[in-house]
Amino acid sequence: MYTTARLGAKLISIIMHPMFMMTYVLLILFKFNPYLFGLAGDKGQELFLITVVILSVFFPLVAILMMKALNMIESLEMKSKEERVGPLIVTGVFYLWLFMNIKDNTAISEVFSFFVLGSTIGLFVSFFVNNFSKISLHAVGMGGLLMGIFFIRQYFTYGHAQISLGGLGAYNIHINLILGIVILLCGLVATSRLILDAHDTRDISGGFLVGVVSQIIAFNIFF
């Protein structure tokens, strides 16, 4: 039973890895209010999505794998504070690069730009806090995701989106359902990190607070 719980916790930790948060928010925006973007149809959205994935996931992951190959870090889990320094710096550079390339682009919605800025702020704050405490980066990501979805729900969506499930048909999904799922995921991710003995409750609550506050700051800068 314990092994099954750890496997489940590991799976949740991978699916809700903080590097995926930008991609998840962008997909939600495309689905719930694509008119926020000045991109040329589905093709333009696909190209921008690929760009975001490359800069926020692929490049940081390649850099971290190179660090592992060069024995700069012992494992991809980065269990010590010292191991996290290099990956945090590299990921922060790519996040900042992405933000600088979209902040003045009129085709890219400010809604997504503020989330990228909030994620970048959260990452650099985490880098600073990491010198004193092994803050939970998963919690930072989930706190940011929760606030991002909350702001989207409040100000930037029509409320519903149609989701196609192939042979199962198409269904109207309300943004409140997405927000509820994210709240549930926040609890699941926190529990998963505890099950895996990756963090204690202080690391998780601190990380969640950093993620939430970072997005609030970014939102107020833009709006």
Protein backbone atom coordinates (compact mmCIF):
# COMPACT_ATOMS: atom_id res chain seq x y z
CA MET A 1 0.00 0.00 0.00
CA TYR A 2 2.82 2.37 0.92
CA THR A 3 4.63 1.59 -2.33
CA THR A 4 1.45 2.31 -4.31
CA ALA A 5 1.06 5.62 -2.49
CA ARG A 6 4.64 6.58 -3.32
CA LEU A 7 4.16 5.66 -6.97
CA GLY A 8 1.02 7.79 -7.11
CA ALA A 9 2.80 10.65 -5.38
CA LYS A 10 5.67 10.38 -7.86
CA LEU A 11 3.30 10.46 -10.82
CA ILE A 12 1.47 13.54 -9.49
CA SER A 13 4.80 15.28 -8.84
CA ILE A 14 5.87 14.66 -12.45
CA ILE A 15 2.57 15.72 -14.05
CA MET A 16 2.37 18.88 -11.92
CA HIS A 17 6.06 19.74 -12.17
CA PRO A 18 6.54 23.53 -11.91
CA MET A 19 8.11 23.67 -15.38
CA PHE A 20 4.74 22.72 -16.90
CA MET A 21 2.72 25.54 -15.29
CA MET A 22 3.17 28.05 -18.14
CA THR A 23 2.09 25.46 -20.68
CA TYR A 24 -1.02 24.55 -18.67
CA VAL A 25 -2.07 28.19 -18.29
CA LEU A 26 -1.52 28.90 -21.99
CA LEU A 27 -3.66 25.91 -22.97
CA ILE A 28 -6.43 27.09 -20.65
CA LEU A 29 -6.30 30.59 -22.13
CA PHE A 30 -6.43 29.23 -25.68
CA LYS A 31 -9.47 27.18 -24.77
CA PHE A 32 -11.41 29.66 -22.63
CA ASN A 33 -10.59 32.94 -24.41
CA PRO A 34 -8.52 32.59 -27.60
CA TYR A 35 -9.56 36.09 -28.69
CA LEU A 36 -7.12 37.55 -26.19
CA PHE A 37 -4.35 36.68 -28.63
CA GLY A 38 -3.61 38.25 -31.99
CA LEU A 39 -2.22 35.01 -33.37
CA ALA A 40 -3.10 33.74 -36.82
CA GLY A 41 -5.59 30.96 -36.13
CA ASP A 42 -4.81 27.49 -34.84
CA LYS A 43 -1.44 27.43 -36.61
CA GLY A 44 -0.30 30.59 -34.85
CA GLN A 45 -1.43 29.19 -31.50
CA GLU A 46 0.41 25.93 -32.12
CA LEU A 47 3.64 27.71 -33.02
CA PHE A 48 3.47 29.92 -29.95
CA LEU A 49 2.70 26.92 -27.74
CA ILE A 50 5.76 25.13 -29.13
CA THR A 51 7.88 28.22 -28.43
CA VAL A 52 6.68 28.36 -24.83
CA VAL A 53 7.32 24.64 -24.31
CA ILE A 54 10.82 24.94 -25.76
CA LEU A 55 11.80 27.90 -23.56
CA SER A 56 10.05 26.90 -20.33
CA VAL A 57 10.45 23.11 -20.44
CA PHE A 58 12.79 21.75 -23.11
CA PHE A 59 15.79 24.07 -22.75
CA PRO A 60 15.78 24.03 -18.91
CA LEU A 61 15.39 20.23 -18.94
CA VAL A 62 18.29 19.79 -21.37
CA ALA A 63 20.46 22.07 -19.23
CA ILE A 64 19.60 20.11 -16.07
CA LEU A 65 20.32 16.79 -17.83
CA MET A 66 23.70 18.18 -18.89
CA MET A 67 24.41 19.14 -15.26
CA LYS A 68 23.54 15.61 -14.25
CA ALA A 69 25.82 14.15 -16.92
CA LEU A 70 28.66 16.40 -15.72
CA ASN A 71 28.03 15.35 -12.10
CA MET A 72 27.12 18.91 -11.12
CA ILE A 73 24.01 17.47 -9.50
CA GLU A 74 23.57 13.99 -8.05
CA SER A 75 20.00 13.38 -9.21
CA LEU A 76 17.17 15.05 -11.08
CA GLU A 77 15.29 15.28 -7.78
CA MET A 78 17.92 17.74 -6.46
CA LYS A 79 17.47 16.72 -2.86
CA SER A 80 19.88 19.29 -1.39
CA LYS A 81 19.72 23.09 -1.48
CA GLU A 82 23.16 23.25 -3.10
CA GLU A 83 22.10 21.08 -6.04
CA ARG A 84 19.25 23.43 -6.86
CA VAL A 85 21.40 26.55 -7.40
CA GLY A 86 22.50 25.80 -10.99
CA PRO A 87 19.11 24.56 -12.24
CA LEU A 88 17.31 27.54 -10.68
CA ILE A 89 19.68 30.02 -12.34
CA VAL A 90 19.44 28.36 -15.75
CA THR A 91 15.65 28.05 -15.61
CA GLY A 92 15.37 31.66 -14.45
CA VAL A 93 17.40 32.84 -17.45
CA PHE A 94 15.07 31.04 -19.86
CA TYR A 95 11.96 32.34 -18.08
CA LEU A 96 13.32 35.88 -18.24
CA TRP A 97 14.21 35.40 -21.90
CA LEU A 98 10.65 34.30 -22.65
CA PHE A 99 9.17 37.25 -20.77
CA MET A 100 11.40 39.81 -22.53
CA ASN A 101 10.34 38.41 -25.91
CA ILE A 102 6.58 38.55 -25.27
CA LYS A 103 6.03 41.58 -23.02
CA ASP A 104 5.91 44.09 -25.90
CA ASN A 105 4.43 41.72 -28.48
CA THR A 106 0.91 42.95 -29.22
CA ALA A 107 -0.08 39.51 -30.53
CA ILE A 108 0.56 37.98 -27.11
CA SER A 109 -2.04 38.67 -24.47
CA GLU A 110 -0.93 40.59 -21.38
CA VAL A 111 -2.81 37.95 -19.41
CA PHE A 112 -0.20 35.37 -20.33
CA SER A 113 2.64 37.89 -20.01
CA PHE A 114 1.72 38.65 -16.41
CA PHE A 115 1.69 34.94 -15.58
CA VAL A 116 5.15 34.50 -17.11
CA LEU A 117 6.39 37.49 -15.11
CA GLY A 118 4.84 36.08 -11.94
CA SER A 119 6.48 32.71 -12.59
CA THR A 120 9.84 34.43 -13.12
CA ILE A 121 9.47 36.44 -9.92
CA GLY A 122 8.51 33.29 -8.03
CA LEU A 123 11.55 31.45 -9.37
CA PHE A 124 14.04 34.15 -8.38
CA VAL A 125 12.44 34.56 -4.95
CA SER A 126 12.76 30.79 -4.57
CA PHE A 127 16.43 31.05 -5.51
CA PHE A 128 16.93 33.58 -2.71
CA VAL A 129 14.92 31.62 -0.13
CA ASN A 130 16.77 28.43 -1.12
CA ASN A 131 19.85 29.83 0.62
CA PHE A 132 18.05 29.50 3.94
CA SER A 133 15.37 26.83 3.45
CA LYS A 134 14.63 24.07 0.95
CA ILE A 135 11.43 25.68 -0.26
CA SER A 136 9.06 23.44 -2.25
CA LEU A 137 9.26 24.44 -5.91
CA HIS A 138 6.22 22.29 -6.63
CA ALA A 139 4.28 24.37 -4.10
CA VAL A 140 5.57 27.58 -5.71
CA GLY A 141 4.30 26.35 -9.06
CA MET A 142 0.91 25.31 -7.69
CA GLY A 143 0.44 28.58 -5.80
CA GLY A 144 1.19 30.47 -9.00
CA LEU A 145 -1.13 28.27 -11.05
CA LEU A 146 -3.97 28.76 -8.58
CA MET A 147 -3.66 32.56 -8.65
CA GLY A 148 -3.27 32.58 -12.43
CA ILE A 149 -6.48 30.61 -12.91
CA PHE A 150 -8.24 32.77 -10.31
CA PHE A 151 -7.36 35.99 -12.17
CA ILE A 152 -8.33 34.46 -15.51
CA ARG A 153 -11.67 33.39 -14.03
CA GLN A 154 -12.36 36.83 -12.56
CA TYR A 155 -11.38 39.07 -15.45
CA PHE A 156 -10.45 37.34 -18.71
CA THR A 157 -12.88 34.59 -19.65
CA TYR A 158 -16.41 34.14 -20.91
CA GLY A 159 -16.87 31.44 -18.33
CA HIS A 160 -17.36 28.42 -20.58
CA ALA A 161 -15.34 26.49 -23.13
CA GLN A 162 -16.24 23.58 -25.34
CA ILE A 163 -14.04 20.53 -24.85
CA SER A 164 -14.05 17.84 -27.53
CA LEU A 165 -13.48 14.26 -26.33
CA GLY A 166 -13.52 12.63 -29.74
CA GLY A 167 -16.01 9.79 -29.91
CA LEU A 168 -17.38 10.73 -26.49
CA GLY A 169 -18.68 14.01 -27.89
CA ALA A 170 -18.18 17.67 -26.99
CA TYR A 171 -18.98 19.20 -23.61
CA ASN A 172 -19.23 22.71 -22.21
CA ILE A 173 -16.85 23.14 -19.30
CA HIS A 174 -17.12 26.06 -16.88
CA ILE A 175 -13.97 27.78 -15.67
CA ASN A 176 -15.17 27.18 -12.10
CA LEU A 177 -14.59 23.46 -12.70
CA ILE A 178 -11.00 24.18 -13.76
CA LEU A 179 -10.48 26.31 -10.65
CA GLY A 180 -11.91 23.54 -8.47
CA ILE A 181 -9.64 20.96 -10.09
CA VAL A 182 -6.61 23.19 -9.50
CA ILE A 183 -7.54 23.60 -5.82
CA LEU A 184 -7.80 19.83 -5.53
CA LEU A 185 -4.45 19.43 -7.28
CA CYS A 186 -2.84 21.86 -4.84
CA GLY A 187 -3.79 19.51 -2.02
CA LEU A 188 -2.68 16.43 -3.95
CA VAL A 189 0.70 17.91 -4.83
CA ALA A 190 1.32 19.02 -1.24
CA THR A 191 0.38 15.56 0.02
CA SER A 192 2.59 13.93 -2.61
CA ARG A 193 5.63 15.92 -1.55
CA LEU A 194 5.05 14.88 2.06
CA ILE A 195 4.60 11.21 1.11
CA LEU A 196 7.89 11.31 -0.82
CA ASP A 197 9.63 12.95 2.16
CA ALA A 198 10.78 15.68 -0.22
CA HIS A 199 9.62 18.53 2.05
CA ASP A 200 8.02 19.32 5.36
CA THR A 201 4.89 21.40 5.86
CA ARG A 202 6.91 24.61 6.33
CA ASP A 203 8.64 24.17 2.95
CA ILE A 204 5.29 23.54 1.26
CA SER A 205 3.36 26.40 2.88
CA GLY A 206 6.26 28.77 2.23
CA GLY A 207 6.45 27.73 -1.40
CA PHE A 208 2.71 28.10 -1.89
CA LEU A 209 2.86 31.61 -0.40
CA VAL A 210 5.72 32.60 -2.71
CA GLY A 211 3.79 31.39 -5.76
CA VAL A 212 0.60 33.22 -4.79
CA VAL A 213 2.28 36.51 -3.87
CA SER A 214 4.47 36.49 -7.00
CA GLN A 215 1.42 36.29 -9.27
CA ILE A 216 -0.38 39.01 -7.31
CA ILE A 217 2.64 41.30 -7.76
CA ALA A 218 2.83 40.54 -11.48
CA PHE A 219 -0.90 41.09 -11.95
CA ASN A 220 -0.71 44.51 -10.29
CA ILE A 221 2.29 45.49 -12.42
CA PHE A 222 0.33 44.79 -15.59
CA PHE A 223 -3.21 45.74 -14.61
